[in-house]
């Protein structure tokens, strides 16, 4: 696959494409980062950005993964010691998912976010950001709180400074990170740093067809065992012949086909025998015309997700 195709694959938005082209046409080795708050289980929503980091690594980017333990602490997810342990777990998961342990730079937030230069840059950036703008950049939970903590407002400002201090060209994240990334694009040049390229991936649906949520348990974790994945997919929302807003189809588009050149659905001869698809577009066609039944689609998803996640489960044993 061509470099630009790898970079653009399964991306919802790039801000800006002109800046991307200038970067890859330059002589420098491009760099990108994604940050992860170590506050719980790694699920397939997180893996979507890991997949993009894998694409970028293959496309020649130097990759940094920020294990944002200080961010988790500010978000009241535990003591620094507790969130550091979760960050270590996250690192093992990311390597097992395919990130090259030698080529990928893993950085803990506490390694640099408590240094004087970092904190001075945070304070500088606060001078140019209004309270209204800072609140708009908070995560959805924080924005809905009646009385959010100051730390939750500082959180997105720190994320912007992370980009500067890690000295990367591109920030990678879900489209839900867009407001924070735009804050970085607007503010970093004013304190002497370059404006980052931003690469945004979609937000996946939960298995029930609703927004993915820990309270609904409608997601697949990277440490789910084979039986759990099969049970979750058996109950997943997957209407006959419907491609759009189908969470099982999204698993193939964003997780399975990026890793496999061919997907084989195993079926008894009386139901047409095994069915092979070379790419996601072919899968869309056979599902839309009802050649492939939802239960066969679910069974295929379970099989390939277990292939993908087995290395993670082995590492975590």
C-alpha atoms as a PDB file:
ATOM      1  CA  UNK A   1       0.000   0.000   0.000  1.00  0.00           C
ATOM      2  CA  UNK A   2       1.285   3.491  -0.869  1.00  0.00           C
ATOM      3  CA  UNK A   3       2.471   5.768   1.939  1.00  0.00           C
ATOM      4  CA  UNK A   4      -0.378   8.267   1.515  1.00  0.00           C
ATOM      5  CA  UNK A   5      -2.964   5.453   1.440  1.00  0.00           C
ATOM      6  CA  UNK A   6      -1.657   4.069   4.722  1.00  0.00           C
ATOM      7  CA  UNK A   7      -1.800   7.488   6.331  1.00  0.00           C
ATOM      8  CA  UNK A   8      -5.339   8.176   5.082  1.00  0.00           C
ATOM      9  CA  UNK A   9      -6.795   4.712   5.728  1.00  0.00           C
ATOM     10  CA  UNK A  10      -9.810   4.730   8.077  1.00  0.00           C
ATOM     11  CA  UNK A  11      -9.296   8.403   8.943  1.00  0.00           C
ATOM     12  CA  UNK A  12     -12.303  10.655   9.471  1.00  0.00           C
ATOM     13  CA  UNK A  13     -10.421  13.943   9.189  1.00  0.00           C
ATOM     14  CA  UNK A  14      -6.942  15.372   8.668  1.00  0.00           C
ATOM     15  CA  UNK A  15      -6.263  18.961   9.680  1.00  0.00           C
ATOM     16  CA  UNK A  16      -4.931  19.902   7.252  1.00  0.00           C
ATOM     17  CA  UNK A  17      -4.311  17.717   4.186  1.00  0.00           C
ATOM     18  CA  UNK A  18      -2.119  20.473   2.734  1.00  0.00           C
ATOM     19  CA  UNK A  19       0.067  20.366   5.830  1.00  0.00           C
ATOM     20  CA  UNK A  20       0.247  16.563   5.560  1.00  0.00           C
ATOM     21  CA  UNK A  21       1.447  16.719   1.959  1.00  0.00           C
ATOM     22  CA  UNK A  22       4.079  19.311   2.852  1.00  0.00           C
ATOM     23  CA  UNK A  23       5.287  17.063   5.678  1.00  0.00           C
ATOM     24  CA  UNK A  24       5.650  13.875   3.642  1.00  0.00           C
ATOM     25  CA  UNK A  25       7.236  15.755   0.731  1.00  0.00           C
ATOM     26  CA  UNK A  26       9.888  17.245   3.017  1.00  0.00           C
ATOM     27  CA  UNK A  27      13.205  15.500   3.624  1.00  0.00           C
ATOM     28  CA  UNK A  28      12.692  15.053   7.380  1.00  0.00           C
ATOM     29  CA  UNK A  29      11.446  11.880   9.016  1.00  0.00           C
ATOM     30  CA  UNK A  30       7.874  12.672  10.140  1.00  0.00           C
ATOM     31  CA  UNK A  31       6.750  11.987  13.699  1.00  0.00           C
ATOM     32  CA  UNK A  32       3.391  11.408  15.374  1.00  0.00           C
ATOM     33  CA  UNK A  33       2.030  10.686  18.825  1.00  0.00           C
ATOM     34  CA  UNK A  34      -1.127   9.525  20.547  1.00  0.00           C
ATOM     35  CA  UNK A  35      -1.856   9.888  24.242  1.00  0.00           C
ATOM     36  CA  UNK A  36      -3.751   7.421  26.404  1.00  0.00           C
ATOM     37  CA  UNK A  37      -5.096   8.090  29.865  1.00  0.00           C
ATOM     38  CA  UNK A  38      -4.386   4.937  31.898  1.00  0.00           C
ATOM     39  CA  UNK A  39      -7.724   4.744  33.648  1.00  0.00           C
ATOM     40  CA  UNK A  40      -9.175   1.329  32.831  1.00  0.00           C
ATOM     41  CA  UNK A  41      -9.345  -1.472  30.342  1.00  0.00           C
ATOM     42  CA  UNK A  42      -8.069  -1.052  26.801  1.00  0.00           C
ATOM     43  CA  UNK A  43     -10.943  -1.730  24.415  1.00  0.00           C
ATOM     44  CA  UNK A  44     -11.393  -1.714  20.653  1.00  0.00           C
ATOM     45  CA  UNK A  45     -12.217   1.993  20.696  1.00  0.00           C
ATOM     46  CA  UNK A  46      -8.646   2.627  21.871  1.00  0.00           C
ATOM     47  CA  UNK A  47      -7.258   0.066  19.442  1.00  0.00           C
ATOM     48  CA  UNK A  48      -8.591   2.136  16.539  1.00  0.00           C
ATOM     49  CA  UNK A  49      -5.950   4.799  17.217  1.00  0.00           C
ATOM     50  CA  UNK A  50      -3.340   2.085  17.805  1.00  0.00           C
ATOM     51  CA  UNK A  51      -4.170   0.780  14.318  1.00  0.00           C
ATOM     52  CA  UNK A  52      -3.552   4.251  12.935  1.00  0.00           C
ATOM     53  CA  UNK A  53      -0.197   4.421  14.727  1.00  0.00           C
ATOM     54  CA  UNK A  54       0.667   1.081  13.103  1.00  0.00           C
ATOM     55  CA  UNK A  55      -0.243   2.537   9.697  1.00  0.00           C
ATOM     56  CA  UNK A  56       1.897   5.599  10.349  1.00  0.00           C
ATOM     57  CA  UNK A  57       4.800   3.493  11.582  1.00  0.00           C
ATOM     58  CA  UNK A  58       4.651   1.451   8.383  1.00  0.00           C
ATOM     59  CA  UNK A  59       4.450   4.724   6.414  1.00  0.00           C
ATOM     60  CA  UNK A  60       7.785   5.841   7.893  1.00  0.00           C
ATOM     61  CA  UNK A  61       6.684   7.943  10.878  1.00  0.00           C
ATOM     62  CA  UNK A  62       8.522   7.887  14.182  1.00  0.00           C
ATOM     63  CA  UNK A  63       5.882   7.044  16.791  1.00  0.00           C
ATOM     64  CA  UNK A  64       5.558   8.219  20.391  1.00  0.00           C
ATOM     65  CA  UNK A  65       2.939   6.834  22.775  1.00  0.00           C
ATOM     66  CA  UNK A  66       2.186   9.035  25.769  1.00  0.00           C
ATOM     67  CA  UNK A  67       1.090   7.038  28.820  1.00  0.00           C
ATOM     68  CA  UNK A  68      -0.632   9.967  30.484  1.00  0.00           C
ATOM     69  CA  UNK A  69      -0.460   9.050  34.159  1.00  0.00           C
ATOM     70  CA  UNK A  70      -0.565  12.652  35.369  1.00  0.00           C
ATOM     71  CA  UNK A  71      -3.677  13.286  33.269  1.00  0.00           C
ATOM     72  CA  UNK A  72      -5.348  10.255  34.870  1.00  0.00           C
ATOM     73  CA  UNK A  73      -4.398  11.560  38.302  1.00  0.00           C
ATOM     74  CA  UNK A  74      -5.936  14.961  37.533  1.00  0.00           C
ATOM     75  CA  UNK A  75      -9.053  13.162  36.308  1.00  0.00           C
ATOM     76  CA  UNK A  76      -9.309  11.497  39.720  1.00  0.00           C
ATOM     77  CA  UNK A  77      -8.607   7.991  38.432  1.00  0.00           C
ATOM     78  CA  UNK A  78      -6.324   7.059  41.335  1.00  0.00           C
ATOM     79  CA  UNK A  79      -3.008   7.937  42.952  1.00  0.00           C
ATOM     80  CA  UNK A  80       0.050   8.443  40.757  1.00  0.00           C
ATOM     81  CA  UNK A  81       1.317   5.022  41.867  1.00  0.00           C
ATOM     82  CA  UNK A  82      -1.983   3.357  40.954  1.00  0.00           C
ATOM     83  CA  UNK A  83      -2.294   4.939  37.523  1.00  0.00           C
ATOM     84  CA  UNK A  84       1.378   4.174  36.777  1.00  0.00           C
ATOM     85  CA  UNK A  85       0.576   0.464  37.195  1.00  0.00           C
ATOM     86  CA  UNK A  86      -2.315   0.800  34.735  1.00  0.00           C
ATOM     87  CA  UNK A  87      -0.001   2.656  32.345  1.00  0.00           C
ATOM     88  CA  UNK A  88       2.432  -0.289  32.451  1.00  0.00           C
ATOM     89  CA  UNK A  89      -0.472  -2.614  31.610  1.00  0.00           C
ATOM     90  CA  UNK A  90      -1.447  -0.352  28.699  1.00  0.00           C
ATOM     91  CA  UNK A  91       2.112  -0.420  27.350  1.00  0.00           C
ATOM     92  CA  UNK A  92       2.173  -4.225  27.326  1.00  0.00           C
ATOM     93  CA  UNK A  93      -1.169  -4.252  25.481  1.00  0.00           C
ATOM     94  CA  UNK A  94       0.010  -1.814  22.804  1.00  0.00           C
ATOM     95  CA  UNK A  95       3.170  -3.797  22.101  1.00  0.00           C
ATOM     96  CA  UNK A  96       1.185  -7.044  21.878  1.00  0.00           C
ATOM     97  CA  UNK A  97      -1.172  -5.348  19.398  1.00  0.00           C
ATOM     98  CA  UNK A  98       1.753  -4.796  17.059  1.00  0.00           C
ATOM     99  CA  UNK A  99       3.576  -1.570  17.920  1.00  0.00           C
ATOM    100  CA  UNK A 100       7.291  -2.219  17.545  1.00  0.00           C
ATOM    101  CA  UNK A 101       8.764  -2.198  21.058  1.00  0.00           C
ATOM    102  CA  UNK A 102      12.159  -1.030  19.765  1.00  0.00           C
ATOM    103  CA  UNK A 103      10.960   1.594  17.290  1.00  0.00           C
ATOM    104  CA  UNK A 104       8.112   3.029  19.387  1.00  0.00           C
ATOM    105  CA  UNK A 105       8.962   5.596  22.048  1.00  0.00           C
ATOM    106  CA  UNK A 106       6.813   5.081  25.165  1.00  0.00           C
ATOM    107  CA  UNK A 107       6.773   8.109  27.462  1.00  0.00           C
ATOM    108  CA  UNK A 108       5.130   8.472  30.872  1.00  0.00           C
ATOM    109  CA  UNK A 109       3.569  11.866  31.496  1.00  0.00           C
ATOM    110  CA  UNK A 110       5.214  12.021  34.911  1.00  0.00           C
ATOM    111  CA  UNK A 111       8.616  11.821  33.206  1.00  0.00           C
ATOM    112  CA  UNK A 112       8.282  15.383  31.898  1.00  0.00           C
ATOM    113  CA  UNK A 113       4.966  16.985  32.916  1.00  0.00           C
ATOM    114  CA  UNK A 114       6.215  17.942  36.380  1.00  0.00           C
ATOM    115  CA  UNK A 115       9.307  19.756  35.080  1.00  0.00           C
ATOM    116  CA  UNK A 116       9.590  23.588  35.333  1.00  0.00           C
ATOM    117  CA  UNK A 117       9.712  24.168  31.539  1.00  0.00           C
ATOM    118  CA  UNK A 118       6.557  22.139  31.008  1.00  0.00           C
ATOM    119  CA  UNK A 119       4.613  23.895  33.754  1.00  0.00           C
ATOM    120  CA  UNK A 120       5.774  27.311  32.531  1.00  0.00           C
ATOM    121  CA  UNK A 121       4.417  26.484  29.058  1.00  0.00           C
ATOM    122  CA  UNK A 122       1.094  25.440  30.580  1.00  0.00           C
ATOM    123  CA  UNK A 123       0.913  28.782  32.388  1.00  0.00           C
ATOM    124  CA  UNK A 124       1.858  30.666  29.209  1.00  0.00           C
ATOM    125  CA  UNK A 125      -0.910  28.935  27.278  1.00  0.00           C
ATOM    126  CA  UNK A 126      -3.492  29.743  29.972  1.00  0.00           C
ATOM    127  CA  UNK A 127      -2.842  33.436  29.302  1.00  0.00           C
ATOM    128  CA  UNK A 128      -4.233  33.169  25.773  1.00  0.00           C
ATOM    129  CA  UNK A 129      -7.223  30.872  26.442  1.00  0.00           C
ATOM    130  CA  UNK A 130     -10.539  32.101  27.796  1.00  0.00           C
ATOM    131  CA  UNK A 131     -12.472  30.161  30.440  1.00  0.00           C
ATOM    132  CA  UNK A 132     -15.203  29.554  27.875  1.00  0.00           C
ATOM    133  CA  UNK A 133     -12.709  28.146  25.359  1.00  0.00           C
ATOM    134  CA  UNK A 134     -11.046  25.947  27.975  1.00  0.00           C
ATOM    135  CA  UNK A 135     -14.399  24.567  29.134  1.00  0.00           C
ATOM    136  CA  UNK A 136     -15.388  23.831  25.533  1.00  0.00           C
ATOM    137  CA  UNK A 137     -12.244  21.705  25.224  1.00  0.00           C
ATOM    138  CA  UNK A 138     -13.031  19.590  28.296  1.00  0.00           C
ATOM    139  CA  UNK A 139     -14.230  16.038  27.794  1.00  0.00           C
ATOM    140  CA  UNK A 140     -17.955  15.380  27.625  1.00  0.00           C
ATOM    141  CA  UNK A 141     -18.209  14.207  31.243  1.00  0.00           C
ATOM    142  CA  UNK A 142     -16.490  17.334  32.518  1.00  0.00           C
ATOM    143  CA  UNK A 143     -18.656  19.673  30.408  1.00  0.00           C
ATOM    144  CA  UNK A 144     -21.824  18.121  31.816  1.00  0.00           C
ATOM    145  CA  UNK A 145     -20.720  18.392  35.437  1.00  0.00           C
ATOM    146  CA  UNK A 146     -22.449  21.097  37.443  1.00  0.00           C
ATOM    147  CA  UNK A 147     -19.259  22.010  39.286  1.00  0.00           C
ATOM    148  CA  UNK A 148     -16.189  20.696  37.399  1.00  0.00           C
ATOM    149  CA  UNK A 149     -12.791  20.858  39.085  1.00  0.00           C
ATOM    150  CA  UNK A 150     -10.129  23.306  37.885  1.00  0.00           C
ATOM    151  CA  UNK A 151      -7.920  20.288  37.094  1.00  0.00           C
ATOM    152  CA  UNK A 152     -10.414  19.159  34.454  1.00  0.00           C
ATOM    153  CA  UNK A 153     -10.070  22.525  32.749  1.00  0.00           C
ATOM    154  CA  UNK A 154      -6.268  22.394  32.916  1.00  0.00           C
ATOM    155  CA  UNK A 155      -6.330  18.894  31.417  1.00  0.00           C
ATOM    156  CA  UNK A 156      -6.877  19.965  27.766  1.00  0.00           C
ATOM    157  CA  UNK A 157      -4.325  22.765  28.093  1.00  0.00           C
ATOM    158  CA  UNK A 158      -1.790  20.178  29.224  1.00  0.00           C
ATOM    159  CA  UNK A 159      -2.672  18.001  26.237  1.00  0.00           C
ATOM    160  CA  UNK A 160      -1.816  20.879  23.938  1.00  0.00           C
ATOM    161  CA  UNK A 161       1.519  21.420  25.699  1.00  0.00           C
ATOM    162  CA  UNK A 162       2.220  17.664  25.461  1.00  0.00           C
ATOM    163  CA  UNK A 163       2.307  18.005  21.673  1.00  0.00           C
ATOM    164  CA  UNK A 164       4.836  20.828  21.917  1.00  0.00           C
ATOM    165  CA  UNK A 165       7.107  19.211  24.487  1.00  0.00           C
ATOM    166  CA  UNK A 166       7.149  15.840  22.719  1.00  0.00           C
ATOM    167  CA  UNK A 167       8.241  17.735  19.583  1.00  0.00           C
ATOM    168  CA  UNK A 168       6.059  15.740  17.180  1.00  0.00           C
ATOM    169  CA  UNK A 169       4.667  16.783  13.809  1.00  0.00           C
ATOM    170  CA  UNK A 170       1.274  15.116  14.156  1.00  0.00           C
ATOM    171  CA  UNK A 171      -1.242  14.437  16.920  1.00  0.00           C
ATOM    172  CA  UNK A 172      -3.396  11.333  16.488  1.00  0.00           C
ATOM    173  CA  UNK A 173      -6.708  10.796  18.264  1.00  0.00           C
ATOM    174  CA  UNK A 174     -10.376  10.039  17.933  1.00  0.00           C
ATOM    175  CA  UNK A 175     -12.589  12.746  16.494  1.00  0.00           C
ATOM    176  CA  UNK A 176     -13.679  13.443  20.085  1.00  0.00           C
ATOM    177  CA  UNK A 177     -10.191  14.959  20.584  1.00  0.00           C
ATOM    178  CA  UNK A 178     -10.785  17.547  17.877  1.00  0.00           C
ATOM    179  CA  UNK A 179     -11.546  20.482  20.199  1.00  0.00           C
ATOM    180  CA  UNK A 180      -8.357  19.887  22.153  1.00  0.00           C
ATOM    181  CA  UNK A 181      -6.292  19.556  18.987  1.00  0.00           C
ATOM    182  CA  UNK A 182      -7.778  22.771  17.607  1.00  0.00           C
ATOM    183  CA  UNK A 183      -6.868  24.501  20.858  1.00  0.00           C
ATOM    184  CA  UNK A 184      -3.292  23.316  20.279  1.00  0.00           C
ATOM    185  CA  UNK A 185      -3.316  24.554  16.686  1.00  0.00           C
ATOM    186  CA  UNK A 186      -4.620  27.950  17.807  1.00  0.00           C
ATOM    187  CA  UNK A 187      -2.352  28.414  20.815  1.00  0.00           C
ATOM    188  CA  UNK A 188       1.021  26.723  20.422  1.00  0.00           C
ATOM    189  CA  UNK A 189       2.445  29.089  17.828  1.00  0.00           C
ATOM    190  CA  UNK A 190       1.820  31.945  20.263  1.00  0.00           C
ATOM    191  CA  UNK A 191       4.229  30.432  22.798  1.00  0.00           C
ATOM    192  CA  UNK A 192       6.905  29.593  20.249  1.00  0.00           C
ATOM    193  CA  UNK A 193       6.013  26.091  19.023  1.00  0.00           C
ATOM    194  CA  UNK A 194       4.941  24.707  15.643  1.00  0.00           C
ATOM    195  CA  UNK A 195       1.312  24.142  14.723  1.00  0.00           C
ATOM    196  CA  UNK A 196       0.629  20.387  14.751  1.00  0.00           C
ATOM    197  CA  UNK A 197      -0.940  18.316  12.013  1.00  0.00           C
ATOM    198  CA  UNK A 198      -3.995  16.521  13.445  1.00  0.00           C
ATOM    199  CA  UNK A 199      -5.178  13.067  12.370  1.00  0.00           C
ATOM    200  CA  UNK A 200      -8.607  12.031  13.613  1.00  0.00           C
ATOM    201  CA  UNK A 201     -10.135   8.561  13.592  1.00  0.00           C
ATOM    202  CA  UNK A 202     -13.892   7.864  13.860  1.00  0.00           C
ATOM    203  CA  UNK A 203     -15.681   6.927  17.073  1.00  0.00           C
ATOM    204  CA  UNK A 204     -16.900   3.342  16.927  1.00  0.00           C
ATOM    205  CA  UNK A 205     -20.396   2.270  17.897  1.00  0.00           C
ATOM    206  CA  UNK A 206     -20.906   0.020  20.882  1.00  0.00           C
ATOM    207  CA  UNK A 207     -21.988  -3.549  20.153  1.00  0.00           C
ATOM    208  CA  UNK A 208     -25.600  -2.611  20.921  1.00  0.00           C
ATOM    209  CA  UNK A 209     -25.594   0.059  18.224  1.00  0.00           C
ATOM    210  CA  UNK A 210     -25.470   2.851  20.808  1.00  0.00           C
ATOM    211  CA  UNK A 211     -22.595   5.027  21.984  1.00  0.00           C
ATOM    212  CA  UNK A 212     -19.761   2.946  23.408  1.00  0.00           C
ATOM    213  CA  UNK A 213     -19.879   3.222  27.193  1.00  0.00           C
ATOM    214  CA  UNK A 214     -18.330   1.403  30.151  1.00  0.00           C
ATOM    215  CA  UNK A 215     -21.656   1.605  31.989  1.00  0.00           C
ATOM    216  CA  UNK A 216     -23.393  -0.272  29.161  1.00  0.00           C
ATOM    217  CA  UNK A 217     -20.581  -2.854  28.813  1.00  0.00           C
ATOM    218  CA  UNK A 218     -21.139  -2.686  25.056  1.00  0.00           C
ATOM    219  CA  UNK A 219     -17.508  -3.006  24.010  1.00  0.00           C
ATOM    220  CA  UNK A 220     -14.821  -5.649  23.577  1.00  0.00           C
ATOM    221  CA  UNK A 221     -11.727  -5.346  25.780  1.00  0.00           C
ATOM    222  CA  UNK A 222      -8.342  -6.540  24.600  1.00  0.00           C
ATOM    223  CA  UNK A 223      -8.208  -8.988  27.507  1.00  0.00           C
ATOM    224  CA  UNK A 224     -11.653 -10.523  26.887  1.00  0.00           C
ATOM    225  CA  UNK A 225     -11.323 -14.286  26.494  1.00  0.00           C
ATOM    226  CA  UNK A 226     -12.561 -16.261  23.491  1.00  0.00           C
ATOM    227  CA  UNK A 227     -15.843 -17.202  25.139  1.00  0.00           C
ATOM    228  CA  UNK A 228     -16.603 -13.617  26.209  1.00  0.00           C
ATOM    229  CA  UNK A 229     -16.022 -12.279  22.707  1.00  0.00           C
ATOM    230  CA  UNK A 230     -18.273 -14.933  21.192  1.00  0.00           C
ATOM    231  CA  UNK A 231     -21.045 -14.201  23.710  1.00  0.00           C
ATOM    232  CA  UNK A 232     -20.814 -10.430  23.193  1.00  0.00           C
ATOM    233  CA  UNK A 233     -20.914 -10.739  19.418  1.00  0.00           C
ATOM    234  CA  UNK A 234     -23.792 -13.204  19.498  1.00  0.00           C
ATOM    235  CA  UNK A 235     -25.894 -10.490  21.165  1.00  0.00           C
ATOM    236  CA  UNK A 236     -24.548  -7.630  19.026  1.00  0.00           C
ATOM    237  CA  UNK A 237     -26.858  -5.391  17.017  1.00  0.00           C
ATOM    238  CA  UNK A 238     -26.563  -6.541  13.394  1.00  0.00           C
ATOM    239  CA  UNK A 239     -29.703  -6.131  11.230  1.00  0.00           C
ATOM    240  CA  UNK A 240     -29.951  -8.252   8.094  1.00  0.00           C
ATOM    241  CA  UNK A 241     -28.423  -6.568   5.044  1.00  0.00           C
ATOM    242  CA  UNK A 242     -27.825  -3.251   6.811  1.00  0.00           C
ATOM    243  CA  UNK A 243     -24.275  -1.929   6.380  1.00  0.00           C
ATOM    244  CA  UNK A 244     -24.511   1.599   7.790  1.00  0.00           C
ATOM    245  CA  UNK A 245     -24.341   2.051  11.571  1.00  0.00           C
ATOM    246  CA  UNK A 246     -23.752  -1.657  11.997  1.00  0.00           C
ATOM    247  CA  UNK A 247     -21.196  -2.227  14.797  1.00  0.00           C
ATOM    248  CA  UNK A 248     -20.220  -5.694  13.550  1.00  0.00           C
ATOM    249  CA  UNK A 249     -19.461  -4.331  10.087  1.00  0.00           C
ATOM    250  CA  UNK A 250     -17.349  -1.626  11.736  1.00  0.00           C
ATOM    251  CA  UNK A 251     -15.219  -4.328  13.358  1.00  0.00           C
ATOM    252  CA  UNK A 252     -14.322  -5.612   9.908  1.00  0.00           C
ATOM    253  CA  UNK A 253     -13.743  -2.159   8.425  1.00  0.00           C
ATOM    254  CA  UNK A 254     -11.575  -0.745  11.201  1.00  0.00           C
ATOM    255  CA  UNK A 255      -9.975  -3.747  12.896  1.00  0.00           C
ATOM    256  CA  UNK A 256      -9.988  -6.895  10.794  1.00  0.00           C
ATOM    257  CA  UNK A 257      -9.399  -5.914   7.162  1.00  0.00           C
ATOM    258  CA  UNK A 258      -6.498  -3.568   8.029  1.00  0.00           C
ATOM    259  CA  UNK A 259      -4.695  -6.697   9.310  1.00  0.00           C
ATOM    260  CA  UNK A 260      -5.904  -9.380   6.891  1.00  0.00           C
ATOM    261  CA  UNK A 261      -5.840  -9.455   3.089  1.00  0.00           C
ATOM    262  CA  UNK A 262      -8.600 -12.055   3.003  1.00  0.00           C
ATOM    263  CA  UNK A 263     -11.390 -13.026   5.379  1.00  0.00           C
ATOM    264  CA  UNK A 264     -13.019 -16.461   5.190  1.00  0.00           C
ATOM    265  CA  UNK A 265     -16.466 -17.077   6.675  1.00  0.00           C
ATOM    266  CA  UNK A 266     -16.862 -20.726   7.566  1.00  0.00           C
ATOM    267  CA  UNK A 267     -20.315 -22.113   6.709  1.00  0.00           C
ATOM    268  CA  UNK A 268     -21.780 -25.622   6.272  1.00  0.00           C
ATOM    269  CA  UNK A 269     -22.288 -26.743   2.662  1.00  0.00           C
ATOM    270  CA  UNK A 270     -26.059 -26.595   3.098  1.00  0.00           C
ATOM    271  CA  UNK A 271     -25.737 -22.827   3.679  1.00  0.00           C
ATOM    272  CA  UNK A 272     -23.470 -22.267   0.678  1.00  0.00           C
ATOM    273  CA  UNK A 273     -20.109 -23.377   2.084  1.00  0.00           C
ATOM    274  CA  UNK A 274     -17.221 -21.114   3.015  1.00  0.00           C
ATOM    275  CA  UNK A 275     -17.333 -17.551   1.711  1.00  0.00           C
ATOM    276  CA  UNK A 276     -14.195 -15.510   1.077  1.00  0.00           C
ATOM    277  CA  UNK A 277     -13.916 -11.701   0.895  1.00  0.00           C
ATOM    278  CA  UNK A 278     -10.750  -9.985  -0.340  1.00  0.00           C
ATOM    279  CA  UNK A 279     -11.574  -6.547   1.045  1.00  0.00           C
ATOM    280  CA  UNK A 280     -14.164  -4.586   2.992  1.00  0.00           C
ATOM    281  CA  UNK A 281     -16.002  -3.420  -0.136  1.00  0.00           C
ATOM    282  CA  UNK A 282     -16.602  -7.035  -1.148  1.00  0.00           C
ATOM    283  CA  UNK A 283     -17.900  -7.786   2.351  1.00  0.00           C
ATOM    284  CA  UNK A 284     -20.306  -4.841   2.121  1.00  0.00           C
ATOM    285  CA  UNK A 285     -21.700  -6.229  -1.115  1.00  0.00           C
ATOM    286  CA  UNK A 286     -22.294  -9.806   0.074  1.00  0.00           C
ATOM    287  CA  UNK A 287     -23.836  -8.627   3.336  1.00  0.00           C
ATOM    288  CA  UNK A 288     -26.040  -5.990   1.707  1.00  0.00           C
ATOM    289  CA  UNK A 289     -27.441  -8.491  -0.818  1.00  0.00           C
ATOM    290  CA  UNK A 290     -27.978 -10.977   2.050  1.00  0.00           C
ATOM    291  CA  UNK A 291     -25.601 -13.593   0.652  1.00  0.00           C
ATOM    292  CA  UNK A 292     -23.991 -13.515   4.107  1.00  0.00           C
ATOM    293  CA  UNK A 293     -26.218 -13.995   7.167  1.00  0.00           C
ATOM    294  CA  UNK A 294     -25.671 -11.822  10.291  1.00  0.00           C
ATOM    295  CA  UNK A 295     -24.810 -14.868  12.396  1.00  0.00           C
ATOM    296  CA  UNK A 296     -22.077 -15.868   9.934  1.00  0.00           C
ATOM    297  CA  UNK A 297     -20.801 -12.282  10.013  1.00  0.00           C
ATOM    298  CA  UNK A 298     -20.697 -12.370  13.829  1.00  0.00           C
ATOM    299  CA  UNK A 299     -18.946 -15.742  13.908  1.00  0.00           C
ATOM    300  CA  UNK A 300     -16.353 -14.447  11.454  1.00  0.00           C
ATOM    301  CA  UNK A 301     -15.797 -11.316  13.536  1.00  0.00           C
ATOM    302  CA  UNK A 302     -15.304 -13.414  16.681  1.00  0.00           C
ATOM    303  CA  UNK A 303     -12.781 -15.666  14.913  1.00  0.00           C
ATOM    304  CA  UNK A 304     -10.600 -12.858  13.595  1.00  0.00           C
ATOM    305  CA  UNK A 305     -10.812 -10.694  16.705  1.00  0.00           C
ATOM    306  CA  UNK A 306      -9.601 -13.650  18.717  1.00  0.00           C
ATOM    307  CA  UNK A 307      -6.664 -14.016  16.314  1.00  0.00           C
ATOM    308  CA  UNK A 308      -5.836 -10.326  16.844  1.00  0.00           C
ATOM    309  CA  UNK A 309      -6.237 -10.346  20.628  1.00  0.00           C
ATOM    310  CA  UNK A 310      -4.601 -13.679  21.434  1.00  0.00           C
ATOM    311  CA  UNK A 311      -1.089 -12.105  21.655  1.00  0.00           C
ATOM    312  CA  UNK A 312      -2.458  -9.571  24.156  1.00  0.00           C
ATOM    313  CA  UNK A 313      -4.007 -12.266  26.325  1.00  0.00           C
ATOM    314  CA  UNK A 314      -0.716 -14.192  26.295  1.00  0.00           C
ATOM    315  CA  UNK A 315       1.218 -11.131  27.442  1.00  0.00           C
ATOM    316  CA  UNK A 316      -1.233 -10.413  30.269  1.00  0.00           C
ATOM    317  CA  UNK A 317      -1.264 -13.954  31.695  1.00  0.00           C
END
